[in-house]
Structures are given as structure tokens and as C-alpha cells.
Amino acid sequence: MARARTTINFIQRDELYLEEKPYLLTYEAPQGFPRTNIKLDERVVAVEDIRGHENEFTINKNGFTIMQVNTKLSYEDFNDDALVKQVYLKEVAEALKSLLGASRVQVFEHIVRKRHPLFPISTGQPYLYNQPTSIAHIDTTPEWSSTMAERLNPPHDPPIVKHRYQCLNIWKPLKGPLRDWPLAVCDISTVDINDVHRGDLVHPNFVIENCQVNFNPNQKWHYISDQLPSEAWVFLQSDSKNAWIKPGKKLIGVPHSSFPHPSSQPDDLPRESIEVRCFAWYND
């Protein structure tokens, strides 16, 4: 498989995080208070292209796979949030149920990202759309996922949250073929739990506990070249049954990050993408 040699940001190995939890504020910090304490460690990474080998990668083995998503929505329709909720999120849920054999899929968030022409250089002003994320991370922790699952599901008898669930991210471009800031995912079987650190993504009214990741040369990163809007990454962020366990390790979820592709050209379409976060529920 071909490889793209690029750079990805990780969190530094720093004794600070033995005493202080990594955090990032999504809003302007109060005067004198740092917006983040995350120190970046930029690394050169060889990201392997899985094009032509998509069927070799599975959720159970690698923590990710590629899923075909057919939608009734046009590109322009994705600017209509109500239409996205009414149509696309239901399409994703049905496709995911079929892929995973889940009894139910419960979507709790979706995000549209459209890269500003100056990104990754900051404009100093708020962006109209969310921008690509260029730091290796995991969206959630098992504890945060458990809290969210309980919040979304009122008490049942028997309790629904006693069933197994997986927290997943479904990510695809809105335009293609994608050559500008594609997504890279890390094979979960190559992640050392000692390189994963719980952090806080702080919004004005709520906090998401996520994970920051150290670089490790044993990690294997992958992407798919010329990704089409009909091709979606599906990758694990947590599993209530802790399915990925090795001696001395307890793996949480798939680290991922966007990256600047070395072969991208100035006239490539700026990346536009949508990601859907959801729970897949099982009867066991």
C-alpha cells in the first residue's frame, strides 16, 4: 500500500499532565487564563493508503472500516440543518445498523466542517464553520459516553443502558474526490494505553471529556485516497464492554486527525465534511 509522508500534531510527553488535566476552551478565555495547556508535538508520520484494500479493515480488528453511504441529499442540502437531521442522519443510522448488526442506532450529534482558505493559519476571527482538527485525539472517554448514554435514555425496566453499546464516529466528505486535508485514523491494535491522556474540551455550558494522544513509532496510521462523498469512515470511540483488551493494556478508541496531504494542489477543493456521532446498541 502507498504511503503519504506528512505531519500530525500530538500532545507532548510532559510531567505537567501528571498534575494537570489537558484542556482546551472553545471560547475566548477570561483575561489572564490560558485558553489551553496542551503543548503540541509535531511529528512526521507515514500514513498508509487503504484504497483497494478497504475490505481488509474492520471495526473488530482495527477499530475502523469504510461504509458506503447513499443519500437523497444534494451537496447544497447539507447547508439545511433541519434537512440533514430529517434525512441524512436517518440514512446513516440505517446503514450503520446493517453494517454492524446493531439493534438500534442513536445519533446524538453531527458537525459540518468547511475549511477556511487560510487554515491552518488563524484569521484571528471566529470562523463561520468548524475547521479541520489537526491534533491526534479520541472524541470521548468510556465514562463520558456512559454519562451521555444515560442522559439520552430515560429510565427503563430493565435499564436499556445495561445493554452493550458502542460510541462511533461516521465521517465523510461533502465533495470529492477529497485531496485537501483528508482524515487519518490509527489502527486501534497499535495504540498503547500509556500514550492516551484524558482531557477536557470546554464549551461555555458543558464539558466533553476526550483523549489526547502521544506519538509512538509503533502506531499505524491510515487514510483513503480520493475519498468520495459516498464513502464514510466508521470508527470506534468507546465500547461499553471494553472489547479491546490486551495484557497490560485497555484500549479506549481510535485516535484520528486531519493532515495536510503532500500531493495536494492549490486548486484542490477546500475540504468540506460532515461527521455523525452516535451510539450503536446491541441486544447482548
Protein backbone atom coordinates (compact mmCIF):
# COMPACT_ATOMS: atom_id res chain seq x y z
CA MET A 1 0.00 0.00 0.00
CA ALA A 2 1.20 3.50 -0.86
CA ARG A 3 2.07 5.92 1.92
CA ALA A 4 1.80 9.68 2.31
CA ARG A 5 4.59 11.22 4.35
CA THR A 6 3.09 14.11 6.32
CA THR A 7 2.89 15.71 9.76
CA ILE A 8 0.40 15.18 12.59
CA ASN A 9 0.30 17.01 15.90
CA PHE A 10 0.31 15.06 19.16
CA ILE A 11 0.40 16.11 22.79
CA GLN A 12 3.88 16.40 24.26
CA ARG A 13 5.16 14.00 26.87
CA ASP A 14 5.29 16.44 29.77
CA GLU A 15 5.23 15.99 33.54
CA LEU A 16 2.68 18.83 33.64
CA TYR A 17 -0.03 16.32 32.74
CA LEU A 18 0.74 14.22 35.81
CA GLU A 19 -0.73 17.06 37.87
CA GLU A 20 -2.90 18.99 35.42
CA LYS A 21 -5.50 17.61 33.04
CA PRO A 22 -5.09 18.71 29.40
CA TYR A 23 -7.84 21.13 28.40
CA LEU A 24 -8.97 23.40 25.58
CA LEU A 25 -11.55 26.18 25.81
CA THR A 26 -13.73 26.55 22.70
CA TYR A 27 -14.41 30.19 23.53
CA GLU A 28 -12.39 33.29 24.40
CA ALA A 29 -10.67 32.68 27.73
CA PRO A 30 -11.05 35.09 30.65
CA GLN A 31 -8.23 37.62 30.84
CA GLY A 32 -5.08 36.08 32.25
CA PHE A 33 -6.34 32.49 31.86
CA PRO A 34 -4.70 30.34 29.14
CA ARG A 35 -7.14 29.04 26.56
CA THR A 36 -5.31 25.70 26.58
CA ASN A 37 -2.47 23.94 28.36
CA ILE A 38 -1.88 21.49 25.53
CA LYS A 39 1.71 21.54 24.29
CA LEU A 40 1.97 20.23 20.74
CA ASP A 41 4.49 17.74 19.44
CA GLU A 42 4.56 17.81 15.62
CA ARG A 43 5.75 14.51 14.16
CA VAL A 44 6.44 13.17 10.70
CA VAL A 45 4.12 10.23 10.07
CA ALA A 46 3.80 7.81 7.16
CA VAL A 47 0.04 7.45 6.58
CA GLU A 48 -0.85 4.31 4.64
CA ASP A 49 -3.43 4.48 1.85
CA ILE A 50 -6.03 1.70 2.15
CA ARG A 51 -7.52 2.34 -1.32
CA GLY A 52 -8.06 -1.06 -2.91
CA HIS A 53 -7.73 -2.78 0.47
CA GLU A 54 -10.81 -1.35 2.19
CA ASN A 55 -12.31 -4.77 2.97
CA GLU A 56 -9.22 -5.77 4.97
CA PHE A 57 -10.03 -3.32 7.77
CA THR A 58 -12.83 -3.97 10.27
CA ILE A 59 -14.22 -2.49 13.46
CA ASN A 60 -13.42 -5.67 15.39
CA LYS A 61 -9.81 -5.93 14.21
CA ASN A 62 -8.71 -2.34 13.62
CA GLY A 63 -11.40 -0.17 15.20
CA PHE A 64 -12.43 1.30 11.83
CA THR A 65 -13.85 0.47 8.42
CA ILE A 66 -15.24 2.13 5.30
CA MET A 67 -19.02 2.16 4.82
CA GLN A 68 -20.97 3.04 1.69
CA VAL A 69 -23.49 5.80 2.35
CA ASN A 70 -26.11 6.67 -0.24
CA THR A 71 -28.08 9.80 0.45
CA LYS A 72 -31.03 11.57 -1.14
CA LEU A 73 -29.49 14.91 -0.22
CA SER A 74 -27.63 17.09 -2.70
CA TYR A 75 -24.47 18.95 -1.77
CA GLU A 76 -26.50 22.13 -1.24
CA ASP A 77 -28.93 20.30 1.06
CA PHE A 78 -26.22 19.89 3.68
CA ASN A 79 -26.49 23.62 4.36
CA ASP A 80 -30.00 22.95 5.71
CA ASP A 81 -29.55 21.64 9.24
CA ALA A 82 -33.18 20.59 9.59
CA LEU A 83 -32.98 18.59 6.36
CA VAL A 84 -29.76 16.92 7.49
CA LYS A 85 -31.48 15.80 10.69
CA GLN A 86 -34.63 14.71 8.88
CA VAL A 87 -32.94 12.74 6.09
CA TYR A 88 -29.19 12.17 6.32
CA LEU A 89 -28.96 11.20 9.99
CA LYS A 90 -31.67 8.58 9.45
CA GLU A 91 -29.84 7.25 6.37
CA VAL A 92 -26.63 6.92 8.38
CA ALA A 93 -28.42 5.17 11.22
CA GLU A 94 -29.97 2.58 8.88
CA ALA A 95 -26.68 1.96 7.06
CA LEU A 96 -24.84 1.53 10.36
CA LYS A 97 -27.45 -0.89 11.73
CA SER A 98 -26.97 -3.04 8.65
CA LEU A 99 -23.17 -2.85 8.81
CA LEU A 100 -22.82 -3.70 12.50
CA GLY A 101 -25.89 -5.83 13.12
CA ALA A 102 -26.97 -3.38 15.82
CA SER A 103 -30.50 -3.42 17.19
CA ARG A 104 -30.67 0.37 17.29
CA VAL A 105 -28.55 3.39 16.32
CA GLN A 106 -28.99 6.58 18.29
CA VAL A 107 -27.46 9.74 16.79
CA PHE A 108 -26.63 12.47 19.29
CA GLU A 109 -24.51 14.96 17.33
CA HIS A 110 -23.41 15.98 13.87
CA ILE A 111 -20.85 18.56 12.77
CA VAL A 112 -20.26 20.13 9.36
CA ARG A 113 -16.74 21.42 8.73
CA LYS A 114 -15.67 23.69 5.88
CA ARG A 115 -12.02 24.61 5.70
CA HIS A 116 -11.28 28.33 5.55
CA PRO A 117 -8.80 29.12 2.72
CA LEU A 118 -6.24 30.35 5.28
CA PHE A 119 -6.47 27.30 7.58
CA PRO A 120 -4.32 26.22 9.44
CA ILE A 121 -3.27 29.87 9.82
CA SER A 122 -5.68 31.58 12.20
CA THR A 123 -7.62 34.58 10.93
CA GLY A 124 -7.96 35.95 14.44
CA GLN A 125 -11.73 36.00 13.95
CA PRO A 126 -14.43 33.38 14.64
CA TYR A 127 -14.93 31.00 11.71
CA LEU A 128 -18.32 30.64 10.08
CA TYR A 129 -17.88 26.85 10.09
CA ASN A 130 -15.94 24.39 12.22
CA GLN A 131 -12.43 23.78 10.89
CA PRO A 132 -10.50 20.52 10.46
CA THR A 133 -8.81 19.18 13.57
CA SER A 134 -5.07 18.72 13.14
CA ILE A 135 -4.30 17.14 16.54
CA ALA A 136 -4.46 13.39 17.18
CA HIS A 137 -7.32 12.75 19.59
CA ILE A 138 -10.18 10.47 20.59
CA ASP A 139 -13.59 12.15 20.77
CA THR A 140 -14.75 10.68 24.07
CA THR A 141 -13.85 8.55 27.07
CA PRO A 142 -15.84 5.48 28.22
CA GLU A 143 -17.06 7.42 31.25
CA TRP A 144 -18.28 10.38 29.19
CA SER A 145 -20.00 8.00 26.76
CA SER A 146 -21.73 6.24 29.65
CA THR A 147 -22.99 9.54 31.04
CA MET A 148 -24.27 10.61 27.62
CA ALA A 149 -26.00 7.25 27.04
CA GLU A 150 -27.83 7.56 30.36
CA ARG A 151 -28.78 11.17 29.64
CA LEU A 152 -30.25 10.28 26.24
CA ASN A 153 -32.24 7.33 27.52
CA PRO A 154 -34.74 7.85 30.35
CA PRO A 155 -35.06 5.07 32.93
CA HIS A 156 -36.41 1.79 31.56
CA ASP A 157 -37.26 -1.51 33.20
CA PRO A 158 -34.99 -3.31 32.56
CA PRO A 159 -32.48 -0.45 32.10
CA ILE A 160 -31.54 -0.02 28.44
CA VAL A 161 -28.03 1.12 29.36
CA LYS A 162 -27.34 -2.39 30.66
CA HIS A 163 -27.14 -3.47 27.02
CA ARG A 164 -23.88 -3.23 25.15
CA TYR A 165 -23.29 -0.10 23.11
CA GLN A 166 -20.51 1.36 21.01
CA CYS A 167 -19.86 5.06 20.55
CA LEU A 168 -18.87 5.69 16.93
CA ASN A 169 -17.99 8.49 14.53
CA ILE A 170 -19.15 8.37 10.90
CA TRP A 171 -17.12 10.81 8.77
CA LYS A 172 -17.33 11.65 5.07
CA PRO A 173 -16.52 14.50 2.68
CA LEU A 174 -19.30 16.58 1.18
CA LYS A 175 -17.33 16.99 -2.04
CA GLY A 176 -14.94 14.61 -3.73
CA PRO A 177 -12.60 13.22 -4.61
CA LEU A 178 -11.07 14.56 -1.39
CA ARG A 179 -7.42 15.60 -1.62
CA ASP A 180 -7.37 18.53 0.79
CA TRP A 181 -6.82 17.77 4.49
CA PRO A 182 -8.13 14.17 4.46
CA LEU A 183 -8.76 12.22 7.66
CA ALA A 184 -6.23 9.79 9.11
CA VAL A 185 -7.19 7.07 11.59
CA CYS A 186 -4.89 4.99 13.78
CA ASP A 187 -5.22 1.21 13.97
CA ILE A 188 -6.55 0.60 17.49
CA SER A 189 -4.43 -2.54 17.84
CA THR A 190 -1.27 -0.40 17.64
CA VAL A 191 -2.24 2.13 20.33
CA ASP A 192 -0.58 1.88 23.75
CA ILE A 193 -2.91 2.97 26.56
CA ASN A 194 0.06 4.69 28.22
CA ASP A 195 0.07 7.16 25.30
CA VAL A 196 -3.57 8.16 25.89
CA HIS A 197 -4.44 11.01 28.27
CA ARG A 198 -7.89 12.14 29.35
CA GLY A 199 -8.59 15.79 28.60
CA ASP A 200 -11.43 18.30 28.68
CA LEU A 201 -12.96 20.11 25.71
CA VAL A 202 -14.63 23.01 27.49
CA HIS A 203 -17.67 24.69 25.93
CA PRO A 204 -19.47 27.66 27.52
CA ASN A 205 -22.22 25.47 29.01
CA PHE A 206 -20.82 21.94 29.05
CA VAL A 207 -17.63 19.87 29.01
CA ILE A 208 -16.75 16.87 26.84
CA GLU A 209 -14.11 14.56 28.25
CA ASN A 210 -11.93 13.39 25.37
CA CYS A 211 -8.44 11.92 24.98
CA GLN A 212 -5.18 13.42 23.80
CA VAL A 213 -2.53 11.13 22.35
CA ASN A 214 1.27 10.93 22.45
CA PHE A 215 3.22 9.95 19.36
CA ASN A 216 4.54 6.41 19.31
CA PRO A 217 6.51 4.92 16.39
CA ASN A 218 4.53 1.69 16.77
CA GLN A 219 1.31 3.43 15.75
CA LYS A 220 -0.01 2.63 12.28
CA TRP A 221 -1.95 5.44 10.61
CA HIS A 222 -4.21 5.05 7.57
CA TYR A 223 -6.25 7.13 5.13
CA ILE A 224 -8.13 6.53 1.90
CA SER A 225 -7.03 8.45 -1.18
CA ASP A 226 -9.54 10.43 -3.27
CA GLN A 227 -12.33 9.72 -0.81
CA LEU A 228 -15.79 10.17 -2.32
CA PRO A 229 -18.93 11.53 -0.64
CA SER A 230 -20.40 8.01 -0.83
CA GLU A 231 -17.51 6.62 1.26
CA ALA A 232 -17.67 7.13 5.02
CA TRP A 233 -15.18 6.27 7.71
CA VAL A 234 -16.77 4.45 10.63
CA PHE A 235 -14.51 4.36 13.68
CA LEU A 236 -14.89 3.38 17.30
CA GLN A 237 -14.61 5.91 20.12
CA SER A 238 -15.61 3.70 23.05
CA ASP A 239 -17.21 0.33 23.77
CA SER A 240 -19.23 -0.36 26.92
CA LYS A 241 -17.94 -3.93 27.03
CA ASN A 242 -14.28 -2.86 26.73
CA ALA A 243 -13.85 -5.23 23.82
CA TRP A 244 -10.28 -4.17 23.03
CA ILE A 245 -8.17 -5.54 25.88
CA LYS A 246 -4.59 -6.81 25.80
CA PRO A 247 -2.33 -7.83 28.69
CA GLY A 248 -1.40 -4.62 30.48
CA LYS A 249 -3.45 -2.52 28.07
CA LYS A 250 -7.04 -1.33 27.86
CA LEU A 251 -7.61 0.43 24.56
CA ILE A 252 -10.28 3.12 24.50
CA GLY A 253 -10.92 4.30 20.95
CA VAL A 254 -9.42 5.18 17.58
CA PRO A 255 -7.14 8.24 17.52
CA HIS A 256 -7.72 10.36 14.43
CA SER A 257 -6.65 13.64 12.88
CA SER A 258 -6.79 15.53 9.62
CA PHE A 259 -3.49 16.05 7.86
CA PRO A 260 -2.03 18.12 5.02
CA HIS A 261 -1.55 15.76 2.09
CA PRO A 262 1.88 16.25 0.47
CA SER A 263 0.38 15.88 -3.03
CA SER A 264 -2.44 18.40 -2.59
CA GLN A 265 -2.55 21.27 -5.08
CA PRO A 266 -3.64 24.91 -4.66
CA ASP A 267 -6.66 24.33 -6.92
CA ASP A 268 -7.92 21.29 -4.95
CA LEU A 269 -11.36 21.82 -3.47
CA PRO A 270 -11.11 23.03 0.15
CA ARG A 271 -12.23 20.24 2.41
CA GLU A 272 -15.87 20.13 3.43
CA SER A 273 -17.07 17.24 5.57
CA ILE A 274 -19.76 16.01 7.90
CA GLU A 275 -19.28 13.76 10.91
CA VAL A 276 -22.01 12.00 12.84
CA ARG A 277 -21.57 10.77 16.39
CA CYS A 278 -23.84 8.05 17.63
CA PHE A 279 -24.42 5.02 19.81
CA ALA A 280 -24.92 1.59 18.27
CA TRP A 281 -26.94 -0.57 20.66
CA TYR A 282 -26.89 -4.37 20.81
CA ASN A 283 -29.16 -6.92 22.45
CA ASP A 284 -26.37 -8.66 24.36
